[in-house]
Amino acid sequence: MNEITNTPAEAAQLADLTFKLLANCQEKEARLAEQHGLTQAEFRCLRLFGTEESSNNKQIAKRMNLSPSRLTRIIDGLVRKDYLIREIDSNDRRNMKVTLSKQGVLIVQQLNNAYINIHREILTDIDEVQHKPLITAMTHLLSALEKWIAKDIS
C-alpha cells in the first residue's frame, strides 16, 4: 500500500481546484451545446462517438452513467434532429444499434473542432512554456483518478 506523503492542505487545494474545474468545464459544455442547438446531454452523447460512427445503447448508457430510460429520451431528441439513426437489434429487442447519420457525422466534426478551438483559446491565456508541463500534470492527474476509480471499493 502506498504511504500518503502529501499534506491535508495540498489535498484540500486539489479538491477545490478539481471542483472548480469541473464546474467550469460543465459551463463550457453548456455554452458549446447551446451554440449548436443541443442539450448538454445530447452534446455529451454525440461527443462519445468520437470517430466511431456507431455504438449500442448499453455501451452509451454505461459510458454516460445514465438509466436506459433517460438515454432513450436523449437518443429520441438526436433522432428527431437527424443526427442519429436507431435500429432495434432483431436478436435482442432491448438492445439498439445507434449510428451517426450524415448530419450526425458533420455535427460531431463541428463539435470536435469547436472543442479544440476553445482549448486553443484557453491556452493563449497560459504562458507557452507552461503548456507541456500543464498537459503532463493533467495526464498524471487523470491517470491517478482512473486508478482511484478502478480500486476495489469493498
N, C-alpha and C. Protein backbone atom coordinates (compact mmCIF):
# COMPACT_ATOMS: atom_id res chain seq x y z
N MET A 1 0.85 -1.18 0.00
CA MET A 1 0.00 0.00 0.00
C MET A 1 0.89 1.24 0.00
N ASN A 2 0.53 2.24 -0.77
CA ASN A 2 1.31 3.48 -0.84
C ASN A 2 1.12 4.30 0.42
N GLU A 3 2.24 4.82 0.92
CA GLU A 3 2.18 5.70 2.09
C GLU A 3 1.79 7.09 1.62
N ILE A 4 0.89 7.73 2.34
CA ILE A 4 0.45 9.08 1.98
C ILE A 4 1.47 10.07 2.51
N THR A 5 2.09 10.82 1.60
CA THR A 5 3.12 11.78 1.99
C THR A 5 2.70 13.23 1.74
N ASN A 6 1.54 13.43 1.15
CA ASN A 6 1.10 14.82 0.90
C ASN A 6 0.43 15.38 2.16
N THR A 7 0.24 16.67 2.18
CA THR A 7 -0.36 17.31 3.34
C THR A 7 -1.87 17.46 3.14
N PRO A 8 -2.60 17.57 4.24
CA PRO A 8 -4.04 17.84 4.11
C PRO A 8 -4.31 19.12 3.33
N ALA A 9 -3.44 20.11 3.47
CA ALA A 9 -3.64 21.38 2.74
C ALA A 9 -3.52 21.16 1.23
N GLU A 10 -2.57 20.32 0.82
CA GLU A 10 -2.42 20.03 -0.62
C GLU A 10 -3.65 19.29 -1.14
N ALA A 11 -4.12 18.33 -0.36
CA ALA A 11 -5.32 17.58 -0.76
C ALA A 11 -6.54 18.50 -0.85
N ALA A 12 -6.66 19.42 0.12
CA ALA A 12 -7.78 20.38 0.11
C ALA A 12 -7.69 21.30 -1.10
N GLN A 13 -6.48 21.74 -1.42
CA GLN A 13 -6.30 22.62 -2.58
C GLN A 13 -6.65 21.88 -3.87
N LEU A 14 -6.19 20.62 -4.00
CA LEU A 14 -6.52 19.83 -5.18
C LEU A 14 -8.03 19.59 -5.27
N ALA A 15 -8.65 19.31 -4.14
CA ALA A 15 -10.10 19.09 -4.12
C ALA A 15 -10.84 20.34 -4.60
N ASP A 16 -10.43 21.49 -4.11
CA ASP A 16 -11.07 22.74 -4.51
C ASP A 16 -10.85 23.02 -6.00
N LEU A 17 -9.62 22.81 -6.46
CA LEU A 17 -9.32 23.06 -7.88
C LEU A 17 -10.10 22.13 -8.79
N THR A 18 -10.18 20.84 -8.45
CA THR A 18 -10.91 19.92 -9.32
C THR A 18 -12.40 20.21 -9.31
N PHE A 19 -12.93 20.64 -8.15
CA PHE A 19 -14.34 21.01 -8.07
C PHE A 19 -14.64 22.19 -8.99
N LYS A 20 -13.80 23.22 -8.90
CA LYS A 20 -13.98 24.42 -9.74
C LYS A 20 -13.75 24.10 -11.21
N LEU A 21 -12.77 23.25 -11.50
CA LEU A 21 -12.51 22.86 -12.88
C LEU A 21 -13.71 22.14 -13.48
N LEU A 22 -14.30 21.22 -12.71
CA LEU A 22 -15.48 20.50 -13.19
C LEU A 22 -16.62 21.48 -13.47
N ALA A 23 -16.88 22.41 -12.56
CA ALA A 23 -17.96 23.38 -12.75
C ALA A 23 -17.72 24.23 -14.00
N ASN A 24 -16.49 24.65 -14.21
CA ASN A 24 -16.17 25.46 -15.39
C ASN A 24 -16.25 24.64 -16.67
N CYS A 25 -15.84 23.39 -16.61
CA CYS A 25 -15.95 22.53 -17.79
C CYS A 25 -17.41 22.29 -18.15
N GLN A 26 -18.26 22.14 -17.14
CA GLN A 26 -19.69 21.97 -17.40
C GLN A 26 -20.27 23.23 -18.04
N GLU A 27 -19.85 24.40 -17.58
CA GLU A 27 -20.30 25.66 -18.18
C GLU A 27 -19.84 25.76 -19.63
N LYS A 28 -18.60 25.37 -19.87
CA LYS A 28 -18.05 25.39 -21.23
C LYS A 28 -18.88 24.47 -22.14
N GLU A 29 -19.20 23.27 -21.66
CA GLU A 29 -20.01 22.34 -22.44
C GLU A 29 -21.41 22.90 -22.68
N ALA A 30 -22.00 23.51 -21.67
CA ALA A 30 -23.35 24.08 -21.81
C ALA A 30 -23.37 25.15 -22.90
N ARG A 31 -22.38 26.01 -22.91
CA ARG A 31 -22.31 27.06 -23.93
C ARG A 31 -22.13 26.48 -25.32
N LEU A 32 -21.24 25.51 -25.44
CA LEU A 32 -20.99 24.90 -26.75
C LEU A 32 -22.23 24.14 -27.24
N ALA A 33 -22.87 23.42 -26.34
CA ALA A 33 -24.10 22.70 -26.70
C ALA A 33 -25.17 23.68 -27.19
N GLU A 34 -25.36 24.75 -26.44
CA GLU A 34 -26.38 25.75 -26.80
C GLU A 34 -26.09 26.37 -28.17
N GLN A 35 -24.82 26.65 -28.45
CA GLN A 35 -24.44 27.23 -29.75
C GLN A 35 -24.81 26.30 -30.91
N HIS A 36 -24.89 25.00 -30.63
CA HIS A 36 -25.20 24.03 -31.68
C HIS A 36 -26.62 23.48 -31.57
N GLY A 37 -27.45 24.13 -30.75
CA GLY A 37 -28.86 23.73 -30.62
C GLY A 37 -29.05 22.37 -29.94
N LEU A 38 -28.14 22.06 -29.00
CA LEU A 38 -28.20 20.78 -28.31
C LEU A 38 -28.36 21.00 -26.81
N THR A 39 -28.90 19.99 -26.15
CA THR A 39 -28.85 19.99 -24.69
C THR A 39 -27.45 19.49 -24.30
N GLN A 40 -27.06 19.70 -23.04
CA GLN A 40 -25.76 19.19 -22.59
C GLN A 40 -25.69 17.67 -22.72
N ALA A 41 -26.77 16.99 -22.40
CA ALA A 41 -26.79 15.53 -22.50
C ALA A 41 -26.63 15.08 -23.95
N GLU A 42 -27.29 15.78 -24.89
CA GLU A 42 -27.14 15.45 -26.31
C GLU A 42 -25.70 15.70 -26.76
N PHE A 43 -25.13 16.82 -26.30
CA PHE A 43 -23.75 17.15 -26.62
C PHE A 43 -22.82 16.03 -26.14
N ARG A 44 -22.97 15.61 -24.90
CA ARG A 44 -22.10 14.56 -24.35
C ARG A 44 -22.28 13.24 -25.09
N CYS A 45 -23.51 12.93 -25.43
CA CYS A 45 -23.79 11.70 -26.17
C CYS A 45 -23.08 11.72 -27.52
N LEU A 46 -23.21 12.81 -28.25
CA LEU A 46 -22.55 12.91 -29.55
C LEU A 46 -21.03 12.88 -29.41
N ARG A 47 -20.50 13.53 -28.38
CA ARG A 47 -19.04 13.53 -28.16
C ARG A 47 -18.51 12.13 -27.89
N LEU A 48 -19.34 11.25 -27.34
CA LEU A 48 -18.91 9.87 -27.08
C LEU A 48 -18.59 9.11 -28.36
N PHE A 49 -19.21 9.51 -29.46
CA PHE A 49 -18.98 8.79 -30.71
C PHE A 49 -17.56 9.01 -31.22
N GLY A 50 -17.00 10.19 -30.97
CA GLY A 50 -15.65 10.46 -31.45
C GLY A 50 -15.55 10.20 -32.94
N THR A 51 -14.66 9.29 -33.31
CA THR A 51 -14.52 8.96 -34.73
C THR A 51 -15.33 7.72 -35.10
N GLU A 52 -15.89 7.05 -34.10
CA GLU A 52 -16.72 5.88 -34.39
C GLU A 52 -18.10 6.36 -34.82
N GLU A 53 -18.66 5.66 -35.77
CA GLU A 53 -19.96 6.10 -36.28
C GLU A 53 -21.12 5.31 -35.72
N SER A 54 -20.84 4.27 -34.93
CA SER A 54 -21.96 3.53 -34.34
C SER A 54 -21.58 3.00 -32.97
N SER A 55 -22.61 2.72 -32.19
CA SER A 55 -22.45 2.18 -30.85
C SER A 55 -23.76 1.50 -30.52
N ASN A 56 -23.88 0.99 -29.30
CA ASN A 56 -25.20 0.49 -28.91
C ASN A 56 -25.63 1.18 -27.62
N ASN A 57 -26.91 1.11 -27.37
CA ASN A 57 -27.48 1.86 -26.25
C ASN A 57 -26.89 1.45 -24.91
N LYS A 58 -26.55 0.19 -24.75
CA LYS A 58 -26.00 -0.26 -23.46
C LYS A 58 -24.61 0.34 -23.23
N GLN A 59 -23.79 0.39 -24.27
CA GLN A 59 -22.45 0.99 -24.14
C GLN A 59 -22.57 2.48 -23.83
N ILE A 60 -23.46 3.16 -24.54
CA ILE A 60 -23.62 4.61 -24.34
C ILE A 60 -24.13 4.89 -22.93
N ALA A 61 -25.14 4.13 -22.49
CA ALA A 61 -25.70 4.33 -21.14
C ALA A 61 -24.62 4.12 -20.08
N LYS A 62 -23.79 3.11 -20.25
CA LYS A 62 -22.72 2.85 -19.28
C LYS A 62 -21.71 3.99 -19.27
N ARG A 63 -21.28 4.44 -20.46
CA ARG A 63 -20.28 5.50 -20.54
C ARG A 63 -20.81 6.84 -20.02
N MET A 64 -22.13 7.06 -20.17
CA MET A 64 -22.72 8.31 -19.70
C MET A 64 -23.27 8.19 -18.28
N ASN A 65 -23.25 6.97 -17.73
CA ASN A 65 -23.77 6.71 -16.39
C ASN A 65 -25.23 7.13 -16.28
N LEU A 66 -26.03 6.65 -17.25
CA LEU A 66 -27.45 7.00 -17.31
C LEU A 66 -28.32 5.75 -17.27
N SER A 67 -29.55 5.93 -16.83
CA SER A 67 -30.52 4.84 -16.90
C SER A 67 -30.93 4.66 -18.36
N PRO A 68 -31.36 3.45 -18.73
CA PRO A 68 -31.81 3.24 -20.12
C PRO A 68 -32.93 4.18 -20.53
N SER A 69 -33.86 4.50 -19.61
CA SER A 69 -34.98 5.37 -19.98
C SER A 69 -34.49 6.80 -20.25
N ARG A 70 -33.56 7.29 -19.44
CA ARG A 70 -33.02 8.64 -19.66
C ARG A 70 -32.26 8.69 -20.98
N LEU A 71 -31.46 7.64 -21.26
CA LEU A 71 -30.72 7.60 -22.52
C LEU A 71 -31.68 7.57 -23.71
N THR A 72 -32.78 6.84 -23.58
CA THR A 72 -33.76 6.76 -24.67
C THR A 72 -34.28 8.14 -25.02
N ARG A 73 -34.56 8.97 -24.02
CA ARG A 73 -35.04 10.32 -24.28
C ARG A 73 -33.98 11.16 -25.00
N ILE A 74 -32.72 10.99 -24.63
CA ILE A 74 -31.63 11.73 -25.29
C ILE A 74 -31.51 11.28 -26.74
N ILE A 75 -31.53 9.97 -26.95
CA ILE A 75 -31.43 9.44 -28.31
C ILE A 75 -32.63 9.86 -29.14
N ASP A 76 -33.82 9.87 -28.54
CA ASP A 76 -35.02 10.34 -29.25
C ASP A 76 -34.80 11.75 -29.78
N GLY A 77 -34.26 12.63 -28.95
CA GLY A 77 -34.01 14.01 -29.37
C GLY A 77 -33.01 14.09 -30.51
N LEU A 78 -31.97 13.28 -30.45
CA LEU A 78 -30.94 13.29 -31.50
C LEU A 78 -31.46 12.66 -32.79
N VAL A 79 -32.37 11.70 -32.68
CA VAL A 79 -33.00 11.12 -33.88
C VAL A 79 -33.90 12.17 -34.53
N ARG A 80 -34.68 12.91 -33.70
CA ARG A 80 -35.55 13.97 -34.23
C ARG A 80 -34.74 15.06 -34.93
N LYS A 81 -33.54 15.32 -34.45
CA LYS A 81 -32.67 16.33 -35.07
C LYS A 81 -31.88 15.78 -36.25
N ASP A 82 -32.15 14.53 -36.59
CA ASP A 82 -31.49 13.85 -37.72
C ASP A 82 -29.99 13.68 -37.54
N TYR A 83 -29.54 13.53 -36.28
CA TYR A 83 -28.12 13.28 -36.02
C TYR A 83 -27.82 11.80 -35.79
N LEU A 84 -28.84 11.04 -35.36
CA LEU A 84 -28.66 9.61 -35.11
C LEU A 84 -29.70 8.80 -35.84
N ILE A 85 -29.31 7.58 -36.16
CA ILE A 85 -30.22 6.57 -36.71
C ILE A 85 -30.24 5.43 -35.70
N ARG A 86 -31.44 5.01 -35.34
CA ARG A 86 -31.60 3.96 -34.33
C ARG A 86 -32.17 2.72 -35.00
N GLU A 87 -31.58 1.58 -34.70
CA GLU A 87 -32.08 0.29 -35.22
C GLU A 87 -32.20 -0.67 -34.05
N ILE A 88 -33.33 -1.34 -33.96
CA ILE A 88 -33.54 -2.33 -32.90
C ILE A 88 -32.83 -3.62 -33.30
N ASP A 89 -32.11 -4.21 -32.35
CA ASP A 89 -31.42 -5.49 -32.58
C ASP A 89 -32.48 -6.58 -32.70
N SER A 90 -32.49 -7.28 -33.84
CA SER A 90 -33.51 -8.31 -34.08
C SER A 90 -33.36 -9.49 -33.12
N ASN A 91 -32.16 -9.70 -32.58
CA ASN A 91 -31.94 -10.81 -31.64
C ASN A 91 -32.27 -10.43 -30.20
N ASP A 92 -32.20 -9.15 -29.88
CA ASP A 92 -32.47 -8.68 -28.52
C ASP A 92 -33.13 -7.31 -28.61
N ARG A 93 -34.47 -7.29 -28.51
CA ARG A 93 -35.22 -6.05 -28.71
C ARG A 93 -34.90 -4.98 -27.68
N ARG A 94 -34.22 -5.35 -26.57
CA ARG A 94 -33.84 -4.36 -25.57
C ARG A 94 -32.58 -3.60 -26.00
N ASN A 95 -31.91 -4.10 -27.01
CA ASN A 95 -30.66 -3.51 -27.46
C ASN A 95 -30.87 -2.77 -28.77
N MET A 96 -30.27 -1.58 -28.87
CA MET A 96 -30.38 -0.77 -30.08
C MET A 96 -28.98 -0.50 -30.63
N LYS A 97 -28.89 -0.52 -31.94
CA LYS A 97 -27.67 -0.04 -32.59
C LYS A 97 -27.94 1.42 -32.92
N VAL A 98 -27.02 2.28 -32.51
CA VAL A 98 -27.17 3.72 -32.72
C VAL A 98 -26.03 4.15 -33.63
N THR A 99 -26.40 4.76 -34.75
CA THR A 99 -25.41 5.15 -35.76
C THR A 99 -25.56 6.63 -36.07
N LEU A 100 -24.43 7.30 -36.27
CA LEU A 100 -24.47 8.69 -36.70
C LEU A 100 -25.01 8.77 -38.13
N SER A 101 -25.93 9.69 -38.37
CA SER A 101 -26.39 9.97 -39.73
C SER A 101 -25.32 10.82 -40.42
N LYS A 102 -25.54 11.16 -41.69
CA LYS A 102 -24.60 12.07 -42.37
C LYS A 102 -24.52 13.40 -41.63
N GLN A 103 -25.68 13.93 -41.21
CA GLN A 103 -25.69 15.17 -40.45
C GLN A 103 -25.01 14.97 -39.09
N GLY A 104 -25.16 13.78 -38.53
CA GLY A 104 -24.53 13.46 -37.25
C GLY A 104 -23.02 13.47 -37.35
N VAL A 105 -22.49 12.89 -38.43
CA VAL A 105 -21.04 12.90 -38.64
C VAL A 105 -20.56 14.34 -38.75
N LEU A 106 -21.31 15.18 -39.48
CA LEU A 106 -20.92 16.58 -39.63
C LEU A 106 -20.96 17.35 -38.31
N ILE A 107 -22.02 17.14 -37.52
CA ILE A 107 -22.11 17.87 -36.25
C ILE A 107 -21.03 17.41 -35.29
N VAL A 108 -20.70 16.12 -35.28
CA VAL A 108 -19.63 15.64 -34.41
C VAL A 108 -18.30 16.26 -34.82
N GLN A 109 -18.06 16.37 -36.12
CA GLN A 109 -16.83 17.03 -36.60
C GLN A 109 -16.82 18.50 -36.17
N GLN A 110 -17.96 19.17 -36.31
CA GLN A 110 -18.05 20.57 -35.89
C GLN A 110 -17.82 20.72 -34.39
N LEU A 111 -18.42 19.84 -33.60
CA LEU A 111 -18.26 19.88 -32.15
C LEU A 111 -16.80 19.63 -31.76
N ASN A 112 -16.19 18.64 -32.38
CA ASN A 112 -14.79 18.33 -32.08
C ASN A 112 -13.88 19.52 -32.43
N ASN A 113 -14.11 20.12 -33.59
CA ASN A 113 -13.31 21.28 -33.99
C ASN A 113 -13.54 22.45 -33.04
N ALA A 114 -14.79 22.70 -32.68
CA ALA A 114 -15.10 23.80 -31.76
C ALA A 114 -14.48 23.54 -30.40
N TYR A 115 -14.52 22.31 -29.94
CA TYR A 115 -13.95 21.93 -28.65
C TYR A 115 -12.45 22.18 -28.64
N ILE A 116 -11.78 21.78 -29.71
CA ILE A 116 -10.33 22.00 -29.82
C ILE A 116 -10.03 23.50 -29.87
N ASN A 117 -10.82 24.25 -30.63
CA ASN A 117 -10.59 25.70 -30.73
C ASN A 117 -10.78 26.41 -29.40
N ILE A 118 -11.75 25.97 -28.61
CA ILE A 118 -11.95 26.54 -27.27
C ILE A 118 -10.69 26.32 -26.44
N HIS A 119 -10.13 25.13 -26.51
CA HIS A 119 -8.95 24.82 -25.71
C HIS A 119 -7.70 25.53 -26.24
N ARG A 120 -7.66 25.75 -27.54
CA ARG A 120 -6.56 26.57 -28.09
C ARG A 120 -6.66 27.99 -27.53
N GLU A 121 -7.88 28.51 -27.47
CA GLU A 121 -8.10 29.85 -26.94
C GLU A 121 -7.73 29.90 -25.45
N ILE A 122 -8.10 28.89 -24.70
CA ILE A 122 -7.77 28.83 -23.27
C ILE A 122 -6.25 28.83 -23.09
N LEU A 123 -5.56 28.07 -23.94
CA LEU A 123 -4.09 28.00 -23.83
C LEU A 123 -3.42 29.35 -24.09
N THR A 124 -4.09 30.24 -24.83
CA THR A 124 -3.47 31.55 -25.08
C THR A 124 -3.35 32.37 -23.81
N ASP A 125 -4.15 32.04 -22.78
CA ASP A 125 -4.07 32.75 -21.51
C ASP A 125 -3.07 32.11 -20.54
N ILE A 126 -2.35 31.11 -21.03
CA ILE A 126 -1.34 30.42 -20.22
C ILE A 126 0.00 30.59 -20.92
N ASP A 127 1.00 30.95 -20.17
CA ASP A 127 2.34 31.13 -20.73
C ASP A 127 2.74 29.88 -21.51
N GLU A 128 3.22 30.06 -22.73
CA GLU A 128 3.52 28.95 -23.64
C GLU A 128 4.48 27.92 -23.02
N VAL A 129 5.42 28.36 -22.21
CA VAL A 129 6.35 27.41 -21.59
C VAL A 129 5.66 26.50 -20.59
N GLN A 130 4.44 26.85 -20.18
CA GLN A 130 3.68 26.03 -19.23
C GLN A 130 2.77 25.01 -19.92
N HIS A 131 2.61 25.09 -21.24
CA HIS A 131 1.69 24.20 -21.94
C HIS A 131 2.03 22.72 -21.73
N LYS A 132 3.28 22.33 -22.03
CA LYS A 132 3.65 20.92 -21.89
C LYS A 132 3.60 20.46 -20.43
N PRO A 133 4.15 21.23 -19.49
CA PRO A 133 4.03 20.80 -18.09
C PRO A 133 2.57 20.68 -17.62
N LEU A 134 1.71 21.57 -18.10
CA LEU A 134 0.30 21.51 -17.74
C LEU A 134 -0.33 20.22 -18.25
N ILE A 135 -0.08 19.91 -19.51
CA ILE A 135 -0.64 18.70 -20.11
C ILE A 135 -0.08 17.46 -19.42
N THR A 136 1.20 17.48 -19.10
CA THR A 136 1.81 16.35 -18.37
C THR A 136 1.16 16.20 -17.00
N ALA A 137 1.00 17.29 -16.27
CA ALA A 137 0.39 17.23 -14.94
C ALA A 137 -1.06 16.75 -15.02
N MET A 138 -1.80 17.23 -16.01
CA MET A 138 -3.20 16.80 -16.15
C MET A 138 -3.28 15.32 -16.54
N THR A 139 -2.34 14.86 -17.35
CA THR A 139 -2.29 13.44 -17.72
C THR A 139 -2.05 12.59 -16.48
N HIS A 140 -1.12 13.03 -15.61
CA HIS A 140 -0.86 12.31 -14.35
C HIS A 140 -2.08 12.34 -13.44
N LEU A 141 -2.75 13.48 -13.36
CA LEU A 141 -3.95 13.59 -12.53
C LEU A 141 -5.04 12.65 -13.04
N LEU A 142 -5.25 12.63 -14.35
CA LEU A 142 -6.26 11.74 -14.92
C LEU A 142 -5.91 10.28 -14.64
N SER A 143 -4.66 9.92 -14.81
CA SER A 143 -4.22 8.54 -14.55
C SER A 143 -4.46 8.17 -13.09
N ALA A 144 -4.09 9.05 -12.18
CA ALA A 144 -4.29 8.79 -10.75
C ALA A 144 -5.78 8.67 -10.41
N LEU A 145 -6.59 9.51 -11.02
CA LEU A 145 -8.03 9.46 -10.78
C LEU A 145 -8.61 8.15 -11.32
N GLU A 146 -8.18 7.74 -12.51
CA GLU A 146 -8.65 6.48 -13.07
C GLU A 146 -8.24 5.29 -12.21
N LYS A 147 -7.02 5.32 -11.65
CA LYS A 147 -6.57 4.26 -10.74
C LYS A 147 -7.43 4.24 -9.49
N TRP A 148 -7.73 5.44 -8.95
CA TRP A 148 -8.57 5.51 -7.76
C TRP A 148 -9.95 4.94 -8.04
N ILE A 149 -10.52 5.29 -9.19
CA ILE A 149 -11.86 4.79 -9.56
C ILE A 149 -11.86 3.27 -9.73
N ALA A 150 -10.76 2.74 -10.27
CA ALA A 150 -10.67 1.31 -10.55
C ALA A 150 -10.46 0.47 -9.29
N LYS A 151 -10.07 1.11 -8.18
CA LYS A 151 -9.83 0.35 -6.94
C LYS A 151 -11.08 -0.35 -6.49
N ASP A 152 -10.88 -1.50 -5.91
CA ASP A 152 -12.00 -2.25 -5.31
C ASP A 152 -12.55 -1.44 -4.14
N ILE A 153 -13.81 -1.09 -4.21
CA ILE A 153 -14.43 -0.24 -3.20
C ILE A 153 -14.70 -0.97 -1.90
N SER A 154 -14.77 -2.28 -1.93
CA SER A 154 -15.14 -3.04 -0.73
C SER A 154 -14.17 -2.94 0.40
